[in-house]
Structures are given as structure tokens and as C-alpha cells.
């Protein structure tokens, strides 16, 4: 919402006739469509949806609806994976084996989208994670590493990997056998 939605109508192979375009939101409120004749048989069109709701765009050429008109357009906020933040003890060095840890995936500023998290150990084996939706735009991801080594956390938002990902985490053994004397 509050960003121009733009499209082009190409009438070059349809002859000359009046082009009429109308748009309305889900409550049947009209939305103004600006039409610019490019003088080559194409028209640049745009409208400004004011709400994140379904809009219907009707396009008539020569008094007849063009194929597939009316068009249903779902207006939504854009997703921005770059605004996702990942933090917490489970993505910092010093994580210990056999000890549950967690990290937070904060999507509050990122717009709509689903979160997907992958975690692998040093050998590339998947490590089970439990993702909890905190219902406030953040997710807590819990895991328990079984073996020491360099783990890799991958975080995806709206089907795109976030810039901070992959995150490398050094997992250390929870016991130190070097102090044992025989």
C-alpha cells in the first residue's frame, strides 16, 4: 500500500479503439488509474493502492473486456530479508556440546514472510532444531549440539536467504579430558 502499482497495456495488434481502465478495492471504493498513451500502441498505467487488500482492475478496449479481465491483485507489504536479525547465545562462539542453547530470529522490521532455519554440524549432517513462534515477530530456535566442531546456521525469510546467513558457530566439547590423569 502507498506505493505505485504499475503495468503496461499493449494494444498494437488489436487496432485502434478507446481504452478504459478502472480499479476498486475490496470494499468497492474506486482507486484512480493514471493512463499515459505512449503513442506507439502501448499505454503506461499506474494506480496507488491505499490499503493492503484485494484490488480488482478492469481493462476494456473498444467497450469489451480484454482476455483475463478483471484482474485480481493482492496488495501487500513487501518482504525485506535484509531486515531480519539473528542473535543469542546459540550463534556465538563458545557453545558447548550436550547442552541446550537457542538463538532468536527477529523479523519485526522485515514485512510478511515465513521463516525457515537449517542447522548442520561440521560433517554437513542436519541438526534438529525446534522453532517457537513468539507471536511478536520473533522466533526462538532451540538446539542441542551432540558433537564439537564448526556448525552452520542458515536462515531464510520469504524464501530468500538473509544477508547475515550462513552463520558459522564453533561448538566446543562440554568436558575437557586433558585434565584427567591415569
C-alpha atoms as a PDB file:
ATOM      1  CA  UNK A   1       0.000   0.000   0.000  1.00  0.00           C
ATOM      2  CA  UNK A   2       1.012   3.610  -0.627  1.00  0.00           C
ATOM      3  CA  UNK A   3       3.359   2.600  -3.464  1.00  0.00           C
ATOM      4  CA  UNK A   4       2.571   2.890  -7.157  1.00  0.00           C
ATOM      5  CA  UNK A   5       1.423  -0.312  -8.840  1.00  0.00           C
ATOM      6  CA  UNK A   6       2.437  -0.062 -12.491  1.00  0.00           C
ATOM      7  CA  UNK A   7       1.569  -2.073 -15.582  1.00  0.00           C
ATOM      8  CA  UNK A   8       1.581  -1.688 -19.363  1.00  0.00           C
ATOM      9  CA  UNK A   9      -1.271  -2.395 -21.767  1.00  0.00           C
ATOM     10  CA  UNK A  10      -0.139  -3.342 -25.292  1.00  0.00           C
ATOM     11  CA  UNK A  11      -2.841  -2.776 -27.946  1.00  0.00           C
ATOM     12  CA  UNK A  12      -0.521  -2.851 -31.011  1.00  0.00           C
ATOM     13  CA  UNK A  13      -2.085  -5.989 -32.517  1.00  0.00           C
ATOM     14  CA  UNK A  14      -5.662  -5.040 -31.553  1.00  0.00           C
ATOM     15  CA  UNK A  15      -6.274  -1.983 -33.758  1.00  0.00           C
ATOM     16  CA  UNK A  16      -7.472   1.438 -32.631  1.00  0.00           C
ATOM     17  CA  UNK A  17     -10.207   1.792 -30.002  1.00  0.00           C
ATOM     18  CA  UNK A  18     -10.789   3.571 -26.684  1.00  0.00           C
ATOM     19  CA  UNK A  19      -9.020   2.073 -23.654  1.00  0.00           C
ATOM     20  CA  UNK A  20     -10.899   2.279 -20.335  1.00  0.00           C
ATOM     21  CA  UNK A  21      -9.348   1.058 -17.087  1.00  0.00           C
ATOM     22  CA  UNK A  22     -10.976   1.102 -13.663  1.00  0.00           C
ATOM     23  CA  UNK A  23      -9.807  -0.145 -10.284  1.00  0.00           C
ATOM     24  CA  UNK A  24     -11.572  -0.706  -6.982  1.00  0.00           C
ATOM     25  CA  UNK A  25     -10.556  -2.084  -3.606  1.00  0.00           C
ATOM     26  CA  UNK A  26     -12.248  -4.923  -1.720  1.00  0.00           C
ATOM     27  CA  UNK A  27     -14.911  -2.541  -0.380  1.00  0.00           C
ATOM     28  CA  UNK A  28     -15.769  -1.345  -3.921  1.00  0.00           C
ATOM     29  CA  UNK A  29     -14.086   2.014  -3.314  1.00  0.00           C
ATOM     30  CA  UNK A  30     -12.742   3.372  -6.607  1.00  0.00           C
ATOM     31  CA  UNK A  31      -8.975   3.836  -6.979  1.00  0.00           C
ATOM     32  CA  UNK A  32      -7.806   6.288  -9.631  1.00  0.00           C
ATOM     33  CA  UNK A  33      -5.806   4.767 -12.511  1.00  0.00           C
ATOM     34  CA  UNK A  34      -3.432   7.066 -14.402  1.00  0.00           C
ATOM     35  CA  UNK A  35      -3.107   6.129 -18.090  1.00  0.00           C
ATOM     36  CA  UNK A  36      -0.354   7.551 -20.310  1.00  0.00           C
ATOM     37  CA  UNK A  37      -0.586   6.968 -24.063  1.00  0.00           C
ATOM     38  CA  UNK A  38       2.961   6.158 -25.232  1.00  0.00           C
ATOM     39  CA  UNK A  39       1.887   6.933 -28.858  1.00  0.00           C
ATOM     40  CA  UNK A  40       3.139   3.535 -30.041  1.00  0.00           C
ATOM     41  CA  UNK A  41       0.099   1.376 -29.257  1.00  0.00           C
ATOM     42  CA  UNK A  42       1.149   0.852 -25.642  1.00  0.00           C
ATOM     43  CA  UNK A  43      -0.131   2.545 -22.520  1.00  0.00           C
ATOM     44  CA  UNK A  44       1.752   3.006 -19.225  1.00  0.00           C
ATOM     45  CA  UNK A  45      -0.699   2.683 -16.354  1.00  0.00           C
ATOM     46  CA  UNK A  46      -0.404   3.084 -12.617  1.00  0.00           C
ATOM     47  CA  UNK A  47      -2.535   3.312  -9.505  1.00  0.00           C
ATOM     48  CA  UNK A  48      -1.865   3.956  -5.821  1.00  0.00           C
ATOM     49  CA  UNK A  49      -3.457   1.349  -3.516  1.00  0.00           C
ATOM     50  CA  UNK A  50      -4.035   2.879  -0.081  1.00  0.00           C
ATOM     51  CA  UNK A  51      -4.679  -0.356   1.807  1.00  0.00           C
ATOM     52  CA  UNK A  52      -3.246  -3.885   1.870  1.00  0.00           C
ATOM     53  CA  UNK A  53      -6.381  -5.546   0.493  1.00  0.00           C
ATOM     54  CA  UNK A  54      -7.505  -7.238  -2.719  1.00  0.00           C
ATOM     55  CA  UNK A  55      -8.000  -4.850  -5.651  1.00  0.00           C
ATOM     56  CA  UNK A  56      -9.845  -5.510  -8.900  1.00  0.00           C
ATOM     57  CA  UNK A  57      -8.584  -3.945 -12.141  1.00  0.00           C
ATOM     58  CA  UNK A  58     -10.979  -3.891 -15.121  1.00  0.00           C
ATOM     59  CA  UNK A  59      -9.498  -3.264 -18.573  1.00  0.00           C
ATOM     60  CA  UNK A  60     -11.832  -2.633 -21.509  1.00  0.00           C
ATOM     61  CA  UNK A  61     -10.727  -1.983 -25.082  1.00  0.00           C
ATOM     62  CA  UNK A  62     -13.339  -0.826 -27.579  1.00  0.00           C
ATOM     63  CA  UNK A  63     -16.047  -1.363 -24.965  1.00  0.00           C
ATOM     64  CA  UNK A  64     -15.109  -5.037 -24.451  1.00  0.00           C
ATOM     65  CA  UNK A  65     -13.243  -6.622 -21.535  1.00  0.00           C
ATOM     66  CA  UNK A  66      -9.809  -7.838 -22.634  1.00  0.00           C
ATOM     67  CA  UNK A  67      -8.921 -11.527 -22.025  1.00  0.00           C
ATOM     68  CA  UNK A  68      -8.450 -12.371 -18.313  1.00  0.00           C
ATOM     69  CA  UNK A  69     -10.031  -9.048 -17.206  1.00  0.00           C
ATOM     70  CA  UNK A  70     -10.946  -8.309 -14.455  1.00  0.00           C
ATOM     71  CA  UNK A  71      -7.560  -8.829 -12.799  1.00  0.00           C
ATOM     72  CA  UNK A  72      -7.443  -9.591  -9.066  1.00  0.00           C
ATOM     73  CA  UNK A  73      -4.421  -8.009  -7.397  1.00  0.00           C
ATOM     74  CA  UNK A  74      -3.429  -8.769  -3.812  1.00  0.00           C
ATOM     75  CA  UNK A  75      -1.699  -5.725  -2.361  1.00  0.00           C
ATOM     76  CA  UNK A  76       0.698  -6.490   0.498  1.00  0.00           C
ATOM     77  CA  UNK A  77       3.744  -5.062   2.171  1.00  0.00           C
ATOM     78  CA  UNK A  78       6.995  -6.088   0.512  1.00  0.00           C
ATOM     79  CA  UNK A  79       9.192  -8.578   2.333  1.00  0.00           C
ATOM     80  CA  UNK A  80      12.747  -7.499   3.144  1.00  0.00           C
ATOM     81  CA  UNK A  81      15.008 -10.374   4.275  1.00  0.00           C
ATOM     82  CA  UNK A  82      17.840  -7.850   4.859  1.00  0.00           C
ATOM     83  CA  UNK A  83      15.908  -6.530   7.888  1.00  0.00           C
ATOM     84  CA  UNK A  84      15.917  -9.903   9.676  1.00  0.00           C
ATOM     85  CA  UNK A  85      18.257 -10.014  12.703  1.00  0.00           C
ATOM     86  CA  UNK A  86      19.688 -13.162  14.299  1.00  0.00           C
ATOM     87  CA  UNK A  87      21.191 -13.043  17.786  1.00  0.00           C
ATOM     88  CA  UNK A  88      21.604 -15.004  21.008  1.00  0.00           C
ATOM     89  CA  UNK A  89      23.929 -17.473  22.702  1.00  0.00           C
ATOM     90  CA  UNK A  90      23.344 -20.203  20.094  1.00  0.00           C
ATOM     91  CA  UNK A  91      25.001 -18.175  17.304  1.00  0.00           C
ATOM     92  CA  UNK A  92      28.071 -17.059  19.268  1.00  0.00           C
ATOM     93  CA  UNK A  93      31.279 -18.994  19.776  1.00  0.00           C
ATOM     94  CA  UNK A  94      31.610 -20.991  22.977  1.00  0.00           C
ATOM     95  CA  UNK A  95      28.507 -23.178  22.503  1.00  0.00           C
ATOM     96  CA  UNK A  96      29.040 -26.476  24.369  1.00  0.00           C
ATOM     97  CA  UNK A  97      28.060 -29.986  23.298  1.00  0.00           C
ATOM     98  CA  UNK A  98      25.219 -31.807  25.064  1.00  0.00           C
ATOM     99  CA  UNK A  99      23.852 -28.527  26.369  1.00  0.00           C
ATOM    100  CA  UNK A 100      20.653 -26.945  25.002  1.00  0.00           C
ATOM    101  CA  UNK A 101      21.078 -23.477  23.554  1.00  0.00           C
ATOM    102  CA  UNK A 102      18.991 -21.072  21.478  1.00  0.00           C
ATOM    103  CA  UNK A 103      19.050 -18.041  19.249  1.00  0.00           C
ATOM    104  CA  UNK A 104      16.409 -15.512  18.199  1.00  0.00           C
ATOM    105  CA  UNK A 105      15.320 -14.687  14.645  1.00  0.00           C
ATOM    106  CA  UNK A 106      13.808 -11.172  14.729  1.00  0.00           C
ATOM    107  CA  UNK A 107      11.557 -10.403  11.732  1.00  0.00           C
ATOM    108  CA  UNK A 108       9.703  -7.398  13.202  1.00  0.00           C
ATOM    109  CA  UNK A 109      11.028  -4.977  10.558  1.00  0.00           C
ATOM    110  CA  UNK A 110      11.066  -7.397   7.606  1.00  0.00           C
ATOM    111  CA  UNK A 111       7.434  -7.375   6.442  1.00  0.00           C
ATOM    112  CA  UNK A 112       5.400 -10.505   5.729  1.00  0.00           C
ATOM    113  CA  UNK A 113       7.067 -13.872   5.179  1.00  0.00           C
ATOM    114  CA  UNK A 114       7.774 -17.287   6.599  1.00  0.00           C
ATOM    115  CA  UNK A 115      10.959 -18.179   8.471  1.00  0.00           C
ATOM    116  CA  UNK A 116      12.957 -21.319   7.716  1.00  0.00           C
ATOM    117  CA  UNK A 117      16.054 -22.328   9.678  1.00  0.00           C
ATOM    118  CA  UNK A 118      18.584 -25.017   8.827  1.00  0.00           C
ATOM    119  CA  UNK A 119      21.453 -26.194  11.032  1.00  0.00           C
ATOM    120  CA  UNK A 120      24.243 -28.585  10.085  1.00  0.00           C
ATOM    121  CA  UNK A 121      27.251 -29.876  12.002  1.00  0.00           C
ATOM    122  CA  UNK A 122      30.843 -29.952  10.746  1.00  0.00           C
ATOM    123  CA  UNK A 123      30.137 -33.055   8.620  1.00  0.00           C
ATOM    124  CA  UNK A 124      27.106 -31.436   6.953  1.00  0.00           C
ATOM    125  CA  UNK A 125      24.631 -33.574   8.917  1.00  0.00           C
ATOM    126  CA  UNK A 126      21.326 -31.894   9.786  1.00  0.00           C
ATOM    127  CA  UNK A 127      20.955 -30.981  13.463  1.00  0.00           C
ATOM    128  CA  UNK A 128      17.341 -30.967  14.741  1.00  0.00           C
ATOM    129  CA  UNK A 129      16.007 -27.539  15.700  1.00  0.00           C
ATOM    130  CA  UNK A 130      12.809 -26.510  17.467  1.00  0.00           C
ATOM    131  CA  UNK A 131      11.402 -23.201  16.219  1.00  0.00           C
ATOM    132  CA  UNK A 132       8.979 -21.399  18.540  1.00  0.00           C
ATOM    133  CA  UNK A 133       6.827 -18.531  17.229  1.00  0.00           C
ATOM    134  CA  UNK A 134       6.861 -15.893  19.978  1.00  0.00           C
ATOM    135  CA  UNK A 135       3.824 -14.202  18.309  1.00  0.00           C
ATOM    136  CA  UNK A 136       5.582 -10.817  18.312  1.00  0.00           C
ATOM    137  CA  UNK A 137       7.541 -11.020  15.049  1.00  0.00           C
ATOM    138  CA  UNK A 138      10.353 -13.035  16.657  1.00  0.00           C
ATOM    139  CA  UNK A 139      11.136 -16.747  16.716  1.00  0.00           C
ATOM    140  CA  UNK A 140      13.214 -18.664  19.268  1.00  0.00           C
ATOM    141  CA  UNK A 141      15.215 -21.509  17.739  1.00  0.00           C
ATOM    142  CA  UNK A 142      16.451 -24.181  20.165  1.00  0.00           C
ATOM    143  CA  UNK A 143      19.014 -26.920  19.509  1.00  0.00           C
ATOM    144  CA  UNK A 144      21.384 -29.237  21.333  1.00  0.00           C
ATOM    145  CA  UNK A 145      24.701 -29.941  19.594  1.00  0.00           C
ATOM    146  CA  UNK A 146      25.968 -33.513  20.108  1.00  0.00           C
ATOM    147  CA  UNK A 147      29.500 -33.221  18.672  1.00  0.00           C
ATOM    148  CA  UNK A 148      32.150 -30.478  18.705  1.00  0.00           C
ATOM    149  CA  UNK A 149      33.096 -28.640  15.501  1.00  0.00           C
ATOM    150  CA  UNK A 150      32.078 -25.781  13.239  1.00  0.00           C
ATOM    151  CA  UNK A 151      28.282 -25.672  12.803  1.00  0.00           C
ATOM    152  CA  UNK A 152      26.460 -23.758  10.070  1.00  0.00           C
ATOM    153  CA  UNK A 153      23.161 -21.915  10.675  1.00  0.00           C
ATOM    154  CA  UNK A 154      21.156 -20.968   7.572  1.00  0.00           C
ATOM    155  CA  UNK A 155      18.228 -18.552   7.937  1.00  0.00           C
ATOM    156  CA  UNK A 156      15.678 -17.908   5.196  1.00  0.00           C
ATOM    157  CA  UNK A 157      12.891 -15.340   5.165  1.00  0.00           C
ATOM    158  CA  UNK A 158      10.205 -15.144   2.471  1.00  0.00           C
ATOM    159  CA  UNK A 159      12.097 -17.921   0.634  1.00  0.00           C
ATOM    160  CA  UNK A 160      15.327 -15.882   0.438  1.00  0.00           C
ATOM    161  CA  UNK A 161      18.485 -16.372   2.482  1.00  0.00           C
ATOM    162  CA  UNK A 162      19.081 -13.380   4.765  1.00  0.00           C
ATOM    163  CA  UNK A 163      22.370 -11.443   4.279  1.00  0.00           C
ATOM    164  CA  UNK A 164      23.671 -12.478   7.744  1.00  0.00           C
ATOM    165  CA  UNK A 165      23.344 -16.168   6.727  1.00  0.00           C
ATOM    166  CA  UNK A 166      25.148 -18.568   6.756  1.00  0.00           C
ATOM    167  CA  UNK A 167      26.348 -18.093  10.333  1.00  0.00           C
ATOM    168  CA  UNK A 168      29.298 -20.223  11.490  1.00  0.00           C
ATOM    169  CA  UNK A 169      29.215 -21.332  15.150  1.00  0.00           C
ATOM    170  CA  UNK A 170      32.142 -23.027  16.891  1.00  0.00           C
ATOM    171  CA  UNK A 171      30.846 -25.778  19.196  1.00  0.00           C
ATOM    172  CA  UNK A 172      33.240 -26.962  21.906  1.00  0.00           C
ATOM    173  CA  UNK A 173      33.239 -30.177  23.885  1.00  0.00           C
ATOM    174  CA  UNK A 174      31.423 -29.787  27.203  1.00  0.00           C
ATOM    175  CA  UNK A 175      34.105 -31.777  29.019  1.00  0.00           C
ATOM    176  CA  UNK A 176      37.854 -31.350  28.980  1.00  0.00           C
ATOM    177  CA  UNK A 177      39.629 -34.725  29.095  1.00  0.00           C
ATOM    178  CA  UNK A 178      43.087 -33.127  29.057  1.00  0.00           C
ATOM    179  CA  UNK A 179      42.911 -32.702  32.836  1.00  0.00           C
ATOM    180  CA  UNK A 180      42.456 -36.428  33.517  1.00  0.00           C
ATOM    181  CA  UNK A 181      45.488 -38.256  34.939  1.00  0.00           C
ATOM    182  CA  UNK A 182      45.932 -42.008  34.955  1.00  0.00           C
END
